[in-house]
Amino acid sequence: MRKNIVAGNWKMNKSFDEADDLVNGIMELLEKKELGKNTLMILCPPFPYLEMVSDYSNDSYFMVGAQNVNDNEKGAYTGEVSAEMLSSMDIEYCIVGHSERRAYYGETDAMIAKKVDQLLKHEIRPIVCCGEVLEEREAGKQFDVVKRQITDGLFHLSAEQFKELVIAYEPVWAIGTGKTATPEQAQEIHAFIRKTIADKYGKEVADEISILYGGSCKPSNAKELFANPDVDGGLIGGAALQAEDFVNIALAF
């Protein structure tokens, strides 16, 4: 059975003390409220806090992920972080191809493919993002965009490699805007993603992949979104910065 996953992407937020308080707040709430047996929680803090959050994870109910990785093994790439570095810290997950990385830093599907390869080489599970911007949605191109991103970024992998992935669908037009895809819109594109995977790798592989919704998911709409058969959780942004909101989203399962 594929996992229900709630991953918190903190982005570039929180001082060290604030981050420490957030983790402790999440841990305190999880001591009082039990997650579903098939629910996995992942915290993705900024790079400087990975070790601190990872230390806490040893005694708690969550796993740790990074927000990005360089597409090279090592070398003169000032300010960058390699998959080998993350692996040496026992980081288990890493977000790849987030819409902000694509938009602000020009990441291409080819670059994302290389990042995925680096992570898999070092036994880190990629959380690979895909999704359309508002203009593409309004032009009815969302299926073409998502299919291209998945095909060009991921379809070089073997079936066994592909099973290690988590996919996160981001309706970019809903991130930070307060807009949210309706449960029907979310299910429609999640089902399309699963079918796209099945067409390449077969239904068995597609059915093993957790596909997360990544657009303004909140405690107030999580239960309805997660009730869809192809929505296996969320990649949470703003709500992941508040311990109670984040835990309540995870409890929506």
C-alpha atoms as a PDB file:
ATOM      1  CA  MET A   1       0.000   0.000   0.000  1.00  0.00           C
ATOM      2  CA  ARG A   2       1.365   3.409  -0.948  1.00  0.00           C
ATOM      3  CA  LYS A   3       1.976   5.854   1.887  1.00  0.00           C
ATOM      4  CA  ASN A   4      -0.105   8.883   2.798  1.00  0.00           C
ATOM      5  CA  ILE A   5       2.526  11.626   3.041  1.00  0.00           C
ATOM      6  CA  VAL A   6       2.423  15.116   4.488  1.00  0.00           C
ATOM      7  CA  ALA A   7       5.677  16.986   3.761  1.00  0.00           C
ATOM      8  CA  GLY A   8       6.335  20.449   5.171  1.00  0.00           C
ATOM      9  CA  ASN A   9       8.401  22.746   2.945  1.00  0.00           C
ATOM     10  CA  TRP A  10       9.590  25.568   5.184  1.00  0.00           C
ATOM     11  CA  LYS A  11      11.221  27.400   2.242  1.00  0.00           C
ATOM     12  CA  MET A  12      13.445  30.320   3.387  1.00  0.00           C
ATOM     13  CA  ASN A  13      11.724  30.961   6.702  1.00  0.00           C
ATOM     14  CA  LYS A  14      12.461  30.849  10.453  1.00  0.00           C
ATOM     15  CA  SER A  15      15.475  31.797  12.529  1.00  0.00           C
ATOM     16  CA  PHE A  16      17.301  28.952  14.253  1.00  0.00           C
ATOM     17  CA  ASP A  17      15.409  29.482  17.518  1.00  0.00           C
ATOM     18  CA  GLU A  18      12.085  29.725  15.672  1.00  0.00           C
ATOM     19  CA  ALA A  19      12.851  26.524  13.814  1.00  0.00           C
ATOM     20  CA  ASP A  20      13.712  24.792  17.071  1.00  0.00           C
ATOM     21  CA  ASP A  21      10.410  25.960  18.584  1.00  0.00           C
ATOM     22  CA  LEU A  22       8.482  24.729  15.544  1.00  0.00           C
ATOM     23  CA  VAL A  23       9.962  21.234  15.724  1.00  0.00           C
ATOM     24  CA  ASN A  24       9.299  21.037  19.449  1.00  0.00           C
ATOM     25  CA  GLY A  25       5.743  22.216  18.901  1.00  0.00           C
ATOM     26  CA  ILE A  26       5.146  19.518  16.298  1.00  0.00           C
ATOM     27  CA  MET A  27       6.647  16.863  18.581  1.00  0.00           C
ATOM     28  CA  GLU A  28       4.502  17.915  21.538  1.00  0.00           C
ATOM     29  CA  LEU A  29       1.341  17.697  19.440  1.00  0.00           C
ATOM     30  CA  LEU A  30       2.313  14.302  18.041  1.00  0.00           C
ATOM     31  CA  GLU A  31       2.711  12.984  21.574  1.00  0.00           C
ATOM     32  CA  LYS A  32      -0.973  13.786  22.173  1.00  0.00           C
ATOM     33  CA  LYS A  33      -2.408  12.855  18.767  1.00  0.00           C
ATOM     34  CA  GLU A  34      -1.499   9.697  16.907  1.00  0.00           C
ATOM     35  CA  LEU A  35      -0.949   9.744  13.152  1.00  0.00           C
ATOM     36  CA  GLY A  36      -2.588   7.093  11.014  1.00  0.00           C
ATOM     37  CA  LYS A  37      -0.505   3.933  10.642  1.00  0.00           C
ATOM     38  CA  ASN A  38      -0.057   4.577   6.917  1.00  0.00           C
ATOM     39  CA  THR A  39       0.717   8.304   7.297  1.00  0.00           C
ATOM     40  CA  LEU A  40       4.282   9.581   6.926  1.00  0.00           C
ATOM     41  CA  MET A  41       5.312  13.083   8.018  1.00  0.00           C
ATOM     42  CA  ILE A  42       8.397  14.737   6.475  1.00  0.00           C
ATOM     43  CA  LEU A  43       9.943  18.049   7.577  1.00  0.00           C
ATOM     44  CA  CYS A  44      11.964  19.945   4.956  1.00  0.00           C
ATOM     45  CA  PRO A  45      13.780  22.817   6.709  1.00  0.00           C
ATOM     46  CA  PRO A  46      16.402  25.138   5.200  1.00  0.00           C
ATOM     47  CA  PHE A  47      19.875  23.622   4.822  1.00  0.00           C
ATOM     48  CA  PRO A  48      21.380  25.195   8.009  1.00  0.00           C
ATOM     49  CA  TYR A  49      18.745  23.462  10.168  1.00  0.00           C
ATOM     50  CA  LEU A  50      18.913  19.973   8.687  1.00  0.00           C
ATOM     51  CA  GLU A  51      21.187  18.565  11.386  1.00  0.00           C
ATOM     52  CA  MET A  52      19.105  20.043  14.216  1.00  0.00           C
ATOM     53  CA  VAL A  53      15.832  18.719  12.795  1.00  0.00           C
ATOM     54  CA  SER A  54      17.451  15.373  11.995  1.00  0.00           C
ATOM     55  CA  ASP A  55      18.610  15.009  15.601  1.00  0.00           C
ATOM     56  CA  TYR A  56      15.027  15.486  16.779  1.00  0.00           C
ATOM     57  CA  SER A  57      13.690  13.001  14.231  1.00  0.00           C
ATOM     58  CA  ASN A  58      15.557  10.182  15.933  1.00  0.00           C
ATOM     59  CA  ASP A  59      13.118  10.437  18.838  1.00  0.00           C
ATOM     60  CA  SER A  60       9.959  11.424  16.996  1.00  0.00           C
ATOM     61  CA  TYR A  61       7.400  10.494  14.376  1.00  0.00           C
ATOM     62  CA  PHE A  62       8.736  12.303  11.332  1.00  0.00           C
ATOM     63  CA  MET A  63      11.443  11.998   8.693  1.00  0.00           C
ATOM     64  CA  VAL A  64      13.661  14.753   7.282  1.00  0.00           C
ATOM     65  CA  GLY A  65      14.030  16.074   3.756  1.00  0.00           C
ATOM     66  CA  ALA A  66      16.100  18.765   2.066  1.00  0.00           C
ATOM     67  CA  GLN A  67      14.585  21.448  -0.157  1.00  0.00           C
ATOM     68  CA  ASN A  68      17.048  21.167  -3.031  1.00  0.00           C
ATOM     69  CA  VAL A  69      20.242  19.503  -4.226  1.00  0.00           C
ATOM     70  CA  ASN A  70      22.900  20.258  -6.823  1.00  0.00           C
ATOM     71  CA  ASP A  71      22.915  18.185 -10.005  1.00  0.00           C
ATOM     72  CA  ASN A  72      26.664  17.509  -9.816  1.00  0.00           C
ATOM     73  CA  GLU A  73      28.489  14.931  -7.717  1.00  0.00           C
ATOM     74  CA  LYS A  74      30.990  17.417  -6.243  1.00  0.00           C
ATOM     75  CA  GLY A  75      33.283  20.261  -7.267  1.00  0.00           C
ATOM     76  CA  ALA A  76      33.702  24.042  -7.420  1.00  0.00           C
ATOM     77  CA  TYR A  77      30.034  25.011  -6.973  1.00  0.00           C
ATOM     78  CA  THR A  78      30.157  27.625  -4.242  1.00  0.00           C
ATOM     79  CA  GLY A  79      27.135  27.659  -1.978  1.00  0.00           C
ATOM     80  CA  GLU A  80      25.701  24.393  -3.322  1.00  0.00           C
ATOM     81  CA  VAL A  81      24.910  21.115  -1.552  1.00  0.00           C
ATOM     82  CA  SER A  82      25.455  17.651  -3.040  1.00  0.00           C
ATOM     83  CA  ALA A  83      23.441  14.459  -2.644  1.00  0.00           C
ATOM     84  CA  GLU A  84      26.515  12.837  -1.092  1.00  0.00           C
ATOM     85  CA  MET A  85      26.546  15.519   1.619  1.00  0.00           C
ATOM     86  CA  LEU A  86      22.858  14.937   2.360  1.00  0.00           C
ATOM     87  CA  SER A  87      23.363  11.190   2.432  1.00  0.00           C
ATOM     88  CA  SER A  88      26.254  11.525   4.883  1.00  0.00           C
ATOM     89  CA  MET A  89      23.793  13.265   7.250  1.00  0.00           C
ATOM     90  CA  ASP A  90      21.205  10.482   6.809  1.00  0.00           C
ATOM     91  CA  ILE A  91      18.732  12.794   5.077  1.00  0.00           C
ATOM     92  CA  GLU A  92      16.038  10.548   3.645  1.00  0.00           C
ATOM     93  CA  TYR A  93      14.115  12.781   1.207  1.00  0.00           C
ATOM     94  CA  CYS A  94      14.763  15.791  -1.004  1.00  0.00           C
ATOM     95  CA  ILE A  95      12.438  18.108  -2.927  1.00  0.00           C
ATOM     96  CA  VAL A  96      13.370  18.447  -6.599  1.00  0.00           C
ATOM     97  CA  GLY A  97      12.062  20.810  -9.269  1.00  0.00           C
ATOM     98  CA  HIS A  98       9.866  22.978  -7.064  1.00  0.00           C
ATOM     99  CA  SER A  99       8.016  25.612  -9.092  1.00  0.00           C
ATOM    100  CA  GLU A 100      10.039  28.348  -7.368  1.00  0.00           C
ATOM    101  CA  ARG A 101      13.281  26.686  -8.449  1.00  0.00           C
ATOM    102  CA  ARG A 102      11.979  26.445 -11.995  1.00  0.00           C
ATOM    103  CA  ALA A 103      10.749  30.055 -12.052  1.00  0.00           C
ATOM    104  CA  TYR A 104      13.472  31.910 -10.109  1.00  0.00           C
ATOM    105  CA  TYR A 105      16.548  29.826 -10.944  1.00  0.00           C
ATOM    106  CA  GLY A 106      15.757  28.557 -14.417  1.00  0.00           C
ATOM    107  CA  GLU A 107      15.765  24.864 -13.579  1.00  0.00           C
ATOM    108  CA  THR A 108      14.934  22.747 -16.614  1.00  0.00           C
ATOM    109  CA  ASP A 109      13.541  19.232 -16.870  1.00  0.00           C
ATOM    110  CA  ALA A 110      17.006  18.063 -17.958  1.00  0.00           C
ATOM    111  CA  MET A 111      18.578  19.559 -14.829  1.00  0.00           C
ATOM    112  CA  ILE A 112      15.886  17.998 -12.659  1.00  0.00           C
ATOM    113  CA  ALA A 113      16.591  14.610 -14.265  1.00  0.00           C
ATOM    114  CA  LYS A 114      20.249  14.924 -13.232  1.00  0.00           C
ATOM    115  CA  LYS A 115      19.280  15.884  -9.673  1.00  0.00           C
ATOM    116  CA  VAL A 116      17.012  12.864  -9.423  1.00  0.00           C
ATOM    117  CA  ASP A 117      19.867  10.658 -10.624  1.00  0.00           C
ATOM    118  CA  GLN A 118      22.207  12.079  -7.984  1.00  0.00           C
ATOM    119  CA  LEU A 119      19.693  11.507  -5.203  1.00  0.00           C
ATOM    120  CA  LEU A 120      18.915   7.946  -6.228  1.00  0.00           C
ATOM    121  CA  LYS A 121      22.619   7.178  -6.520  1.00  0.00           C
ATOM    122  CA  HIS A 122      22.981   8.158  -2.865  1.00  0.00           C
ATOM    123  CA  GLU A 123      19.773   6.397  -1.756  1.00  0.00           C
ATOM    124  CA  ILE A 124      17.747   9.539  -1.066  1.00  0.00           C
ATOM    125  CA  ARG A 125      14.114   9.531  -2.184  1.00  0.00           C
ATOM    126  CA  PRO A 126      13.240  12.489  -4.460  1.00  0.00           C
ATOM    127  CA  ILE A 127       9.983  14.392  -4.025  1.00  0.00           C
ATOM    128  CA  VAL A 128       9.628  15.571  -7.622  1.00  0.00           C
ATOM    129  CA  CYS A 129       7.400  18.579  -8.310  1.00  0.00           C
ATOM    130  CA  CYS A 130       5.394  19.258 -11.449  1.00  0.00           C
ATOM    131  CA  GLY A 131       2.602  21.663 -12.312  1.00  0.00           C
ATOM    132  CA  GLU A 132       1.325  24.481 -14.489  1.00  0.00           C
ATOM    133  CA  VAL A 133       1.219  28.262 -14.113  1.00  0.00           C
ATOM    134  CA  LEU A 134      -1.991  30.286 -14.405  1.00  0.00           C
ATOM    135  CA  GLU A 135      -1.576  31.097 -18.105  1.00  0.00           C
ATOM    136  CA  GLU A 136      -1.131  27.418 -18.916  1.00  0.00           C
ATOM    137  CA  ARG A 137      -4.164  26.441 -16.859  1.00  0.00           C
ATOM    138  CA  GLU A 138      -6.327  29.094 -18.505  1.00  0.00           C
ATOM    139  CA  ALA A 139      -5.168  27.922 -21.944  1.00  0.00           C
ATOM    140  CA  GLY A 140      -6.119  24.330 -21.079  1.00  0.00           C
ATOM    141  CA  LYS A 141      -2.493  23.194 -21.334  1.00  0.00           C
ATOM    142  CA  GLN A 142      -2.119  21.776 -17.822  1.00  0.00           C
ATOM    143  CA  PHE A 143      -2.090  18.141 -18.965  1.00  0.00           C
ATOM    144  CA  ASP A 144       0.497  18.827 -21.684  1.00  0.00           C
ATOM    145  CA  VAL A 145       2.740  20.703 -19.245  1.00  0.00           C
ATOM    146  CA  VAL A 146       2.601  18.062 -16.534  1.00  0.00           C
ATOM    147  CA  LYS A 147       3.124  15.210 -19.004  1.00  0.00           C
ATOM    148  CA  ARG A 148       6.178  16.960 -20.480  1.00  0.00           C
ATOM    149  CA  GLN A 149       7.701  17.594 -17.054  1.00  0.00           C
ATOM    150  CA  ILE A 150       7.250  13.971 -16.005  1.00  0.00           C
ATOM    151  CA  THR A 151       8.339  12.513 -19.343  1.00  0.00           C
ATOM    152  CA  ASP A 152      11.434  14.697 -19.814  1.00  0.00           C
ATOM    153  CA  GLY A 153      12.461  14.713 -16.164  1.00  0.00           C
ATOM    154  CA  LEU A 154      11.752  11.150 -15.074  1.00  0.00           C
ATOM    155  CA  PHE A 155      11.096   8.663 -17.858  1.00  0.00           C
ATOM    156  CA  HIS A 156      14.793   7.836 -18.271  1.00  0.00           C
ATOM    157  CA  LEU A 157      14.523   5.875 -15.004  1.00  0.00           C
ATOM    158  CA  SER A 158      14.019   2.143 -14.702  1.00  0.00           C
ATOM    159  CA  ALA A 159      10.791   0.890 -13.127  1.00  0.00           C
ATOM    160  CA  GLU A 160      12.653  -0.029  -9.930  1.00  0.00           C
ATOM    161  CA  GLN A 161      14.146   3.454  -9.720  1.00  0.00           C
ATOM    162  CA  PHE A 162      10.800   5.086 -10.405  1.00  0.00           C
ATOM    163  CA  LYS A 163       9.250   3.268  -7.443  1.00  0.00           C
ATOM    164  CA  GLU A 164      11.540   5.283  -5.151  1.00  0.00           C
ATOM    165  CA  LEU A 165       9.942   8.592  -6.186  1.00  0.00           C
ATOM    166  CA  VAL A 166       7.248  10.714  -4.617  1.00  0.00           C
ATOM    167  CA  ILE A 167       5.450  13.039  -7.046  1.00  0.00           C
ATOM    168  CA  ALA A 168       4.079  16.413  -5.938  1.00  0.00           C
ATOM    169  CA  TYR A 169       1.586  18.190  -8.179  1.00  0.00           C
ATOM    170  CA  GLU A 170       1.768  21.965  -7.785  1.00  0.00           C
ATOM    171  CA  PRO A 171      -0.944  24.095  -9.334  1.00  0.00           C
ATOM    172  CA  VAL A 172       1.444  27.052  -9.424  1.00  0.00           C
ATOM    173  CA  TRP A 173      -1.493  29.439  -9.719  1.00  0.00           C
ATOM    174  CA  ALA A 174      -2.634  28.313  -6.246  1.00  0.00           C
ATOM    175  CA  ILE A 175       0.660  28.712  -4.365  1.00  0.00           C
ATOM    176  CA  GLY A 176       0.655  31.678  -2.007  1.00  0.00           C
ATOM    177  CA  THR A 177      -2.402  33.157  -3.703  1.00  0.00           C
ATOM    178  CA  GLY A 178      -5.039  31.787  -1.365  1.00  0.00           C
ATOM    179  CA  LYS A 179      -6.583  29.978  -4.330  1.00  0.00           C
ATOM    180  CA  THR A 180      -6.942  26.230  -4.124  1.00  0.00           C
ATOM    181  CA  ALA A 181      -7.741  23.685  -6.770  1.00  0.00           C
ATOM    182  CA  THR A 182     -11.130  22.151  -6.112  1.00  0.00           C
ATOM    183  CA  PRO A 183     -11.064  18.530  -4.939  1.00  0.00           C
ATOM    184  CA  GLU A 184     -12.356  17.615  -8.401  1.00  0.00           C
ATOM    185  CA  GLN A 185      -9.541  19.516 -10.143  1.00  0.00           C
ATOM    186  CA  ALA A 186      -6.966  17.923  -7.862  1.00  0.00           C
ATOM    187  CA  GLN A 187      -8.298  14.419  -8.460  1.00  0.00           C
ATOM    188  CA  GLU A 188      -8.475  14.973 -12.212  1.00  0.00           C
ATOM    189  CA  ILE A 189      -4.820  15.867 -12.597  1.00  0.00           C
ATOM    190  CA  HIS A 190      -3.574  13.389  -9.997  1.00  0.00           C
ATOM    191  CA  ALA A 191      -5.405  10.613 -11.866  1.00  0.00           C
ATOM    192  CA  PHE A 192      -3.833  11.882 -15.110  1.00  0.00           C
ATOM    193  CA  ILE A 193      -0.362  11.744 -13.541  1.00  0.00           C
ATOM    194  CA  ARG A 194      -0.942   8.182 -12.349  1.00  0.00           C
ATOM    195  CA  LYS A 195      -2.200   7.145 -15.801  1.00  0.00           C
ATOM    196  CA  THR A 196       0.842   8.772 -17.437  1.00  0.00           C
ATOM    197  CA  ILE A 197       3.084   6.720 -15.158  1.00  0.00           C
ATOM    198  CA  ALA A 198       1.050   3.562 -15.817  1.00  0.00           C
ATOM    199  CA  ASP A 199       1.317   4.037 -19.581  1.00  0.00           C
ATOM    200  CA  LYS A 200       5.110   3.983 -19.244  1.00  0.00           C
ATOM    201  CA  TYR A 201       5.780   1.592 -16.357  1.00  0.00           C
ATOM    202  CA  GLY A 202       2.531  -0.331 -15.863  1.00  0.00           C
ATOM    203  CA  LYS A 203      -0.308  -0.118 -13.371  1.00  0.00           C
ATOM    204  CA  GLU A 204       1.562  -1.911 -10.584  1.00  0.00           C
ATOM    205  CA  VAL A 205       4.307   0.725 -10.492  1.00  0.00           C
ATOM    206  CA  ALA A 206       1.823   3.599 -10.838  1.00  0.00           C
ATOM    207  CA  ASP A 207      -0.237   2.296  -7.935  1.00  0.00           C
ATOM    208  CA  GLU A 208       2.833   2.305  -5.664  1.00  0.00           C
ATOM    209  CA  ILE A 209       3.634   5.996  -6.216  1.00  0.00           C
ATOM    210  CA  SER A 210       2.431   8.551  -3.678  1.00  0.00           C
ATOM    211  CA  ILE A 211       1.197  11.695  -5.464  1.00  0.00           C
ATOM    212  CA  LEU A 212       0.937  14.771  -3.250  1.00  0.00           C
ATOM    213  CA  TYR A 213      -1.095  17.940  -3.722  1.00  0.00           C
ATOM    214  CA  GLY A 214       0.990  21.090  -3.369  1.00  0.00           C
ATOM    215  CA  GLY A 215      -1.232  24.151  -3.612  1.00  0.00           C
ATOM    216  CA  SER A 216      -2.482  26.050  -0.527  1.00  0.00           C
ATOM    217  CA  CYS A 217      -3.477  22.987   1.460  1.00  0.00           C
ATOM    218  CA  LYS A 218      -4.835  23.952   4.898  1.00  0.00           C
ATOM    219  CA  PRO A 219      -6.525  22.198   7.826  1.00  0.00           C
ATOM    220  CA  SER A 220      -9.862  23.477   6.509  1.00  0.00           C
ATOM    221  CA  ASN A 221      -9.579  21.768   3.098  1.00  0.00           C
ATOM    222  CA  ALA A 222      -7.137  18.885   3.710  1.00  0.00           C
ATOM    223  CA  LYS A 223      -9.741  16.250   4.545  1.00  0.00           C
ATOM    224  CA  GLU A 224     -11.741  16.934   1.394  1.00  0.00           C
ATOM    225  CA  LEU A 225      -8.634  16.970  -0.801  1.00  0.00           C
ATOM    226  CA  PHE A 226      -7.196  13.793   0.732  1.00  0.00           C
ATOM    227  CA  ALA A 227     -10.492  11.949   0.307  1.00  0.00           C
ATOM    228  CA  ASN A 228      -9.762  11.689  -3.418  1.00  0.00           C
ATOM    229  CA  PRO A 229      -8.489   8.235  -4.449  1.00  0.00           C
ATOM    230  CA  ASP A 230      -5.396   9.585  -6.234  1.00  0.00           C
ATOM    231  CA  VAL A 231      -4.444  12.330  -3.752  1.00  0.00           C
ATOM    232  CA  ASP A 232      -2.022  10.714  -1.317  1.00  0.00           C
ATOM    233  CA  GLY A 233      -1.183  13.730   0.815  1.00  0.00           C
ATOM    234  CA  GLY A 234       0.281  17.196   0.521  1.00  0.00           C
ATOM    235  CA  LEU A 235       3.465  19.172   0.014  1.00  0.00           C
ATOM    236  CA  ILE A 236       2.648  21.931   2.488  1.00  0.00           C
ATOM    237  CA  GLY A 237       4.095  25.453   2.405  1.00  0.00           C
ATOM    238  CA  GLY A 238       2.677  28.211   4.608  1.00  0.00           C
ATOM    239  CA  ALA A 239       0.675  25.918   6.875  1.00  0.00           C
ATOM    240  CA  ALA A 240       3.844  23.914   7.624  1.00  0.00           C
ATOM    241  CA  LEU A 241       5.219  26.927   9.505  1.00  0.00           C
ATOM    242  CA  GLN A 242       2.563  26.579  12.224  1.00  0.00           C
ATOM    243  CA  ALA A 243       2.844  23.413  14.307  1.00  0.00           C
ATOM    244  CA  GLU A 244      -0.879  23.033  14.985  1.00  0.00           C
ATOM    245  CA  ASP A 245      -1.896  23.625  11.373  1.00  0.00           C
ATOM    246  CA  PHE A 246       0.679  21.186  10.046  1.00  0.00           C
ATOM    247  CA  VAL A 247      -0.203  18.416  12.475  1.00  0.00           C
ATOM    248  CA  ASN A 248      -3.925  18.909  11.844  1.00  0.00           C
ATOM    249  CA  ILE A 249      -3.331  18.496   8.107  1.00  0.00           C
ATOM    250  CA  ALA A 250      -1.526  15.216   8.804  1.00  0.00           C
ATOM    251  CA  LEU A 251      -4.437  14.116  10.991  1.00  0.00           C
ATOM    252  CA  ALA A 252      -6.850  14.705   8.098  1.00  0.00           C
ATOM    253  CA  PHE A 253      -6.193  11.104   7.036  1.00  0.00           C
END
